[in-house]
């Protein structure tokens, strides 16, 4: 199986997880928005506990591993 990196758009509902983590934690995109500084941001919520949220700035293209 060949894997390659590609740039992708980030959309609401997409899920992400850290592949080398000892505990699997899945984050879901809740919102994609432009901040007051004009930069794009993504708000993530933890799937197992939706009270946990984090906001990430997207100052470079998002890379997604394709199988």
N, C-alpha and C. Protein backbone atom coordinates (compact mmCIF):
# COMPACT_ATOMS: atom_id res chain seq x y z
N UNK A 1 0.85 -1.16 0.00
CA UNK A 1 0.00 0.00 0.00
C UNK A 1 0.90 1.24 0.00
N UNK A 2 0.62 2.15 -0.88
CA UNK A 2 1.39 3.39 -0.99
C UNK A 2 0.59 4.50 -0.33
N UNK A 3 1.28 5.27 0.51
CA UNK A 3 0.62 6.41 1.16
C UNK A 3 1.30 7.68 0.70
N UNK A 4 0.52 8.74 0.58
CA UNK A 4 1.08 10.02 0.17
C UNK A 4 0.38 11.14 0.92
N UNK A 5 1.07 12.25 1.08
CA UNK A 5 0.51 13.42 1.74
C UNK A 5 -0.16 14.30 0.69
N UNK A 6 -1.33 14.78 1.00
CA UNK A 6 -2.01 15.73 0.13
C UNK A 6 -2.57 16.86 0.97
N UNK A 7 -2.76 18.00 0.35
CA UNK A 7 -3.42 19.11 1.03
C UNK A 7 -4.91 18.91 0.89
N UNK A 8 -5.66 19.27 1.92
CA UNK A 8 -7.10 19.06 1.89
C UNK A 8 -7.82 20.20 2.59
N UNK A 9 -9.04 20.39 2.23
CA UNK A 9 -9.89 21.34 2.92
C UNK A 9 -10.35 20.70 4.22
N UNK A 10 -10.57 21.53 5.22
CA UNK A 10 -11.08 21.05 6.50
C UNK A 10 -12.53 21.46 6.58
N UNK A 11 -13.39 20.49 6.93
CA UNK A 11 -14.82 20.77 6.99
C UNK A 11 -15.45 20.31 8.29
N UNK A 12 -16.57 20.91 8.62
CA UNK A 12 -17.30 20.56 9.84
C UNK A 12 -17.69 19.09 9.77
N UNK A 13 -17.46 18.40 10.87
CA UNK A 13 -17.80 16.97 10.96
C UNK A 13 -16.62 16.04 10.73
N UNK A 14 -15.52 16.56 10.15
CA UNK A 14 -14.35 15.71 9.95
C UNK A 14 -13.77 15.34 11.30
N UNK A 15 -13.20 14.13 11.38
CA UNK A 15 -12.62 13.65 12.63
C UNK A 15 -11.13 13.38 12.45
N UNK A 16 -10.40 13.64 13.54
CA UNK A 16 -8.95 13.48 13.54
C UNK A 16 -8.52 12.79 14.82
N UNK A 17 -7.41 12.05 14.74
CA UNK A 17 -6.83 11.44 15.93
C UNK A 17 -5.33 11.41 15.78
N UNK A 18 -4.65 11.39 16.90
CA UNK A 18 -3.20 11.30 16.90
C UNK A 18 -2.83 9.83 16.77
N UNK A 19 -2.04 9.51 15.76
CA UNK A 19 -1.77 8.11 15.46
C UNK A 19 -0.78 7.45 16.41
N UNK A 20 0.10 8.21 17.05
CA UNK A 20 1.09 7.61 17.93
C UNK A 20 0.74 7.73 19.40
N UNK A 21 -0.51 8.04 19.72
CA UNK A 21 -0.93 8.21 21.11
C UNK A 21 -1.20 6.85 21.76
N UNK A 22 -0.94 6.74 23.06
CA UNK A 22 -1.22 5.50 23.77
C UNK A 22 -2.72 5.36 24.02
N UNK A 23 -3.41 6.47 24.17
CA UNK A 23 -4.86 6.47 24.34
C UNK A 23 -5.47 7.13 23.10
N UNK A 24 -6.41 6.47 22.48
CA UNK A 24 -7.02 7.02 21.27
C UNK A 24 -8.01 8.11 21.66
N UNK A 25 -7.73 9.32 21.22
CA UNK A 25 -8.60 10.47 21.44
C UNK A 25 -8.99 10.99 20.07
N UNK A 26 -10.29 11.07 19.83
CA UNK A 26 -10.78 11.54 18.53
C UNK A 26 -11.37 12.94 18.71
N UNK A 27 -10.93 13.84 17.80
CA UNK A 27 -11.42 15.21 17.79
C UNK A 27 -12.23 15.43 16.52
N UNK A 28 -13.32 16.17 16.63
CA UNK A 28 -14.19 16.47 15.50
C UNK A 28 -14.23 17.97 15.26
N UNK A 29 -14.21 18.36 13.99
CA UNK A 29 -14.28 19.77 13.63
C UNK A 29 -15.70 20.27 13.89
N UNK A 30 -15.82 21.26 14.77
CA UNK A 30 -17.12 21.85 15.10
C UNK A 30 -17.38 23.13 14.32
N UNK A 31 -16.30 23.84 13.98
CA UNK A 31 -16.47 25.12 13.28
C UNK A 31 -15.17 25.47 12.56
N UNK A 32 -15.31 26.11 11.42
CA UNK A 32 -14.18 26.68 10.68
C UNK A 32 -14.54 28.14 10.47
N UNK A 33 -13.65 29.04 10.91
CA UNK A 33 -14.00 30.47 10.85
C UNK A 33 -12.76 31.32 10.66
N UNK A 34 -13.00 32.58 10.29
CA UNK A 34 -11.92 33.55 10.16
C UNK A 34 -11.93 34.42 11.41
N UNK A 35 -10.78 34.52 12.08
CA UNK A 35 -10.66 35.30 13.30
C UNK A 35 -10.61 36.79 13.02
N UNK A 36 -10.61 37.58 14.09
CA UNK A 36 -10.55 39.03 13.94
C UNK A 36 -9.23 39.49 13.35
N UNK A 37 -8.21 38.61 13.40
CA UNK A 37 -6.91 38.93 12.79
C UNK A 37 -6.85 38.53 11.32
N UNK A 38 -7.95 38.01 10.78
CA UNK A 38 -8.02 37.65 9.37
C UNK A 38 -7.50 36.26 9.05
N UNK A 39 -7.03 35.52 10.05
CA UNK A 39 -6.50 34.18 9.83
C UNK A 39 -7.60 33.13 9.99
N UNK A 40 -7.50 32.02 9.28
CA UNK A 40 -8.48 30.94 9.45
C UNK A 40 -8.20 30.12 10.71
N UNK A 41 -9.27 29.70 11.38
CA UNK A 41 -9.17 28.89 12.59
C UNK A 41 -10.14 27.71 12.49
N UNK A 42 -9.83 26.66 13.25
CA UNK A 42 -10.68 25.48 13.35
C UNK A 42 -10.97 25.25 14.82
N UNK A 43 -12.23 25.06 15.16
CA UNK A 43 -12.59 24.70 16.53
C UNK A 43 -12.87 23.21 16.56
N UNK A 44 -12.18 22.50 17.47
CA UNK A 44 -12.34 21.06 17.61
C UNK A 44 -13.03 20.73 18.92
N UNK A 45 -13.86 19.68 18.91
CA UNK A 45 -14.46 19.15 20.14
C UNK A 45 -14.07 17.69 20.26
N UNK A 46 -13.85 17.25 21.49
CA UNK A 46 -13.49 15.85 21.72
C UNK A 46 -14.75 15.00 21.61
N UNK A 47 -14.68 13.93 20.84
CA UNK A 47 -15.85 13.10 20.58
C UNK A 47 -16.35 12.43 21.86
N UNK A 48 -15.47 11.95 22.71
CA UNK A 48 -15.87 11.27 23.93
C UNK A 48 -16.37 12.19 25.04
N UNK A 49 -16.01 13.47 24.97
CA UNK A 49 -16.38 14.44 25.99
C UNK A 49 -16.51 15.80 25.31
N UNK A 50 -17.71 16.14 24.88
CA UNK A 50 -17.91 17.33 24.06
C UNK A 50 -17.71 18.63 24.83
N UNK A 51 -17.47 18.56 26.14
CA UNK A 51 -17.18 19.77 26.90
C UNK A 51 -15.73 20.21 26.69
N UNK A 52 -14.88 19.32 26.15
CA UNK A 52 -13.48 19.66 25.86
C UNK A 52 -13.38 20.20 24.45
N UNK A 53 -12.89 21.42 24.33
CA UNK A 53 -12.77 22.10 23.04
C UNK A 53 -11.39 22.70 22.91
N UNK A 54 -10.94 22.86 21.67
CA UNK A 54 -9.71 23.61 21.42
C UNK A 54 -9.81 24.27 20.06
N UNK A 55 -9.11 25.39 19.93
CA UNK A 55 -9.11 26.15 18.70
C UNK A 55 -7.69 26.16 18.15
N UNK A 56 -7.56 25.83 16.87
CA UNK A 56 -6.26 25.78 16.21
C UNK A 56 -6.23 26.77 15.06
N UNK A 57 -5.14 27.50 14.96
CA UNK A 57 -4.94 28.40 13.83
C UNK A 57 -4.41 27.62 12.64
N UNK A 58 -4.85 28.01 11.45
CA UNK A 58 -4.42 27.34 10.24
C UNK A 58 -3.59 28.31 9.41
N UNK A 59 -2.34 28.53 9.82
CA UNK A 59 -1.50 29.44 9.06
C UNK A 59 -0.71 28.73 7.98
N UNK A 60 -0.90 27.42 7.84
CA UNK A 60 -0.31 26.68 6.73
C UNK A 60 -1.30 25.62 6.29
N UNK A 61 -1.17 25.07 5.10
CA UNK A 61 -2.14 24.08 4.61
C UNK A 61 -2.23 22.87 5.54
N UNK A 62 -3.41 22.34 5.66
CA UNK A 62 -3.64 21.12 6.44
C UNK A 62 -3.20 19.93 5.59
N UNK A 63 -2.47 19.01 6.19
CA UNK A 63 -2.00 17.82 5.45
C UNK A 63 -2.74 16.59 5.97
N UNK A 64 -3.24 15.80 5.05
CA UNK A 64 -4.00 14.61 5.39
C UNK A 64 -3.33 13.39 4.76
N UNK A 65 -3.17 12.31 5.51
CA UNK A 65 -2.57 11.09 4.98
C UNK A 65 -3.65 10.31 4.25
N UNK A 66 -3.39 9.99 3.00
CA UNK A 66 -4.30 9.18 2.20
C UNK A 66 -3.72 7.79 2.04
N UNK A 67 -4.58 6.81 2.11
CA UNK A 67 -4.12 5.42 1.93
C UNK A 67 -4.18 5.05 0.46
